Each structure stands twice: as C-alpha cells, then as structure tokens.
Amino acid sequence: MSFADLKQKDVINISDGRRLGKPIDVTFTENARIEAIVVPDGIQNPWERVHRIGDDVILVEIGTEAC
C-alpha cells in the first residue's frame, strides 16, 4: 500500500467515533518504519494505535487526552 492509497481513507477514532480527517503526512523512525499518521489538525496518531486499515477508513484508538 502506498501513501497515495492511505491519503484517500478517513481516519476514525474508535474511542469516540470521531472522524479525524484524511492523512496529510506520515512520520518515520530512523529505521524507516512508520511512526505515526498525521491528520489535518496536526494530531500524530502513533502507528501502534492503528487497529485496522480498511477499504475506506483507518481505525485508530486515541484517548480523549490526545485529542
């Protein structure tokens, strides 16, 4: 899957059902592994919090303190 594919999907927080937007950036570790998906309001959703990438959505679990 490419970043172009990820950019087309909505990011949904499963903790509260809120739509966070479509990814605008991805951050990487020094070892070139994905560290986080960044959404329009600047929130970085850590990769370990990504639960599922579906056909239309990316499901993440972010507590309300991070939003």
C-alpha atoms as a PDB file:
ATOM      1  CA  MET A   1       0.000   0.000   0.000  1.00  0.00           C
ATOM      2  CA  SER A   2       1.304   3.442  -0.874  1.00  0.00           C
ATOM      3  CA  PHE A   3       0.847   6.779   0.882  1.00  0.00           C
ATOM      4  CA  ALA A   4      -1.342   7.820  -2.046  1.00  0.00           C
ATOM      5  CA  ASP A   5      -3.680   4.960  -1.061  1.00  0.00           C
ATOM      6  CA  LEU A   6      -3.650   5.970   2.626  1.00  0.00           C
ATOM      7  CA  LYS A   7      -4.444   9.621   1.780  1.00  0.00           C
ATOM      8  CA  GLN A   8      -7.803   8.559   0.344  1.00  0.00           C
ATOM      9  CA  LYS A   9      -9.025   6.978   3.594  1.00  0.00           C
ATOM     10  CA  ASP A  10     -10.766   8.683   6.532  1.00  0.00           C
ATOM     11  CA  VAL A  11      -9.113   8.269   9.940  1.00  0.00           C
ATOM     12  CA  ILE A  12     -11.699   7.361  12.599  1.00  0.00           C
ATOM     13  CA  ASN A  13     -11.038   7.320  16.339  1.00  0.00           C
ATOM     14  CA  ILE A  14     -12.771   4.214  17.683  1.00  0.00           C
ATOM     15  CA  SER A  15     -12.676   5.616  21.241  1.00  0.00           C
ATOM     16  CA  ASP A  16     -15.305   8.242  20.456  1.00  0.00           C
ATOM     17  CA  GLY A  17     -16.313   7.634  16.814  1.00  0.00           C
ATOM     18  CA  ARG A  18     -14.895  10.993  15.733  1.00  0.00           C
ATOM     19  CA  ARG A  19     -13.681  11.482  12.162  1.00  0.00           C
ATOM     20  CA  LEU A  20     -10.161  12.921  12.338  1.00  0.00           C
ATOM     21  CA  GLY A  21      -9.780  13.583   8.611  1.00  0.00           C
ATOM     22  CA  LYS A  22      -7.655  12.090   5.882  1.00  0.00           C
ATOM     23  CA  PRO A  23      -3.920  11.571   6.449  1.00  0.00           C
ATOM     24  CA  ILE A  24      -1.767  14.509   5.346  1.00  0.00           C
ATOM     25  CA  ASP A  25       1.610  13.077   6.323  1.00  0.00           C
ATOM     26  CA  VAL A  26       3.395  10.046   7.738  1.00  0.00           C
ATOM     27  CA  THR A  27       6.371  10.208  10.101  1.00  0.00           C
ATOM     28  CA  PHE A  28       9.135   7.608  10.131  1.00  0.00           C
ATOM     29  CA  THR A  29      11.637   6.244  12.653  1.00  0.00           C
ATOM     30  CA  GLU A  30      15.374   6.189  11.953  1.00  0.00           C
ATOM     31  CA  ASN A  31      14.919   2.609  10.702  1.00  0.00           C
ATOM     32  CA  ALA A  32      12.397   3.764   8.057  1.00  0.00           C
ATOM     33  CA  ARG A  33       9.402   2.291   9.880  1.00  0.00           C
ATOM     34  CA  ILE A  34       6.147   4.206  10.078  1.00  0.00           C
ATOM     35  CA  GLU A  35       5.979   6.034  13.404  1.00  0.00           C
ATOM     36  CA  ALA A  36       2.682   7.945  13.074  1.00  0.00           C
ATOM     37  CA  ILE A  37      -0.062   9.058  10.722  1.00  0.00           C
ATOM     38  CA  VAL A  38      -0.653  12.822  10.800  1.00  0.00           C
ATOM     39  CA  VAL A  39      -4.170  14.218  10.254  1.00  0.00           C
ATOM     40  CA  PRO A  40      -5.143  17.815   9.288  1.00  0.00           C
ATOM     41  CA  ASP A  41      -5.331  19.249  12.820  1.00  0.00           C
ATOM     42  CA  GLY A  42      -1.724  18.160  13.424  1.00  0.00           C
ATOM     43  CA  ILE A  43      -2.522  15.196  15.638  1.00  0.00           C
ATOM     44  CA  GLN A  44       0.013  12.433  15.180  1.00  0.00           C
ATOM     45  CA  ASN A  45      -1.655   9.067  15.547  1.00  0.00           C
ATOM     46  CA  PRO A  46       1.043   6.582  16.638  1.00  0.00           C
ATOM     47  CA  TRP A  47       1.316   3.561  14.350  1.00  0.00           C
ATOM     48  CA  GLU A  48       0.864   1.175  17.296  1.00  0.00           C
ATOM     49  CA  ARG A  49      -2.591   2.765  17.836  1.00  0.00           C
ATOM     50  CA  VAL A  50      -3.740   1.861  14.308  1.00  0.00           C
ATOM     51  CA  HIS A  51      -6.169  -1.032  14.715  1.00  0.00           C
ATOM     52  CA  ARG A  52      -7.209  -1.650  11.137  1.00  0.00           C
ATOM     53  CA  ILE A  53      -6.831  -0.257   7.656  1.00  0.00           C
ATOM     54  CA  GLY A  54      -9.945  -0.985   5.643  1.00  0.00           C
ATOM     55  CA  ASP A  55     -11.105  -0.165   2.132  1.00  0.00           C
ATOM     56  CA  ASP A  56     -12.359   3.315   3.109  1.00  0.00           C
ATOM     57  CA  VAL A  57     -11.164   4.009   6.664  1.00  0.00           C
ATOM     58  CA  ILE A  58      -8.224   3.754   9.032  1.00  0.00           C
ATOM     59  CA  LEU A  59      -9.361   2.888  12.551  1.00  0.00           C
ATOM     60  CA  VAL A  60      -7.218   4.281  15.374  1.00  0.00           C
ATOM     61  CA  GLU A  61      -7.671   4.327  19.129  1.00  0.00           C
ATOM     62  CA  ILE A  62      -6.628   7.633  20.644  1.00  0.00           C
ATOM     63  CA  GLY A  63      -7.740   8.623  24.148  1.00  0.00           C
ATOM     64  CA  THR A  64      -9.502  11.951  24.592  1.00  0.00           C
ATOM     65  CA  GLU A  65      -6.413  13.413  26.312  1.00  0.00           C
ATOM     66  CA  ALA A  66      -4.533  13.185  22.965  1.00  0.00           C
ATOM     67  CA  CYS A  67      -7.293  14.943  21.041  1.00  0.00           C
END
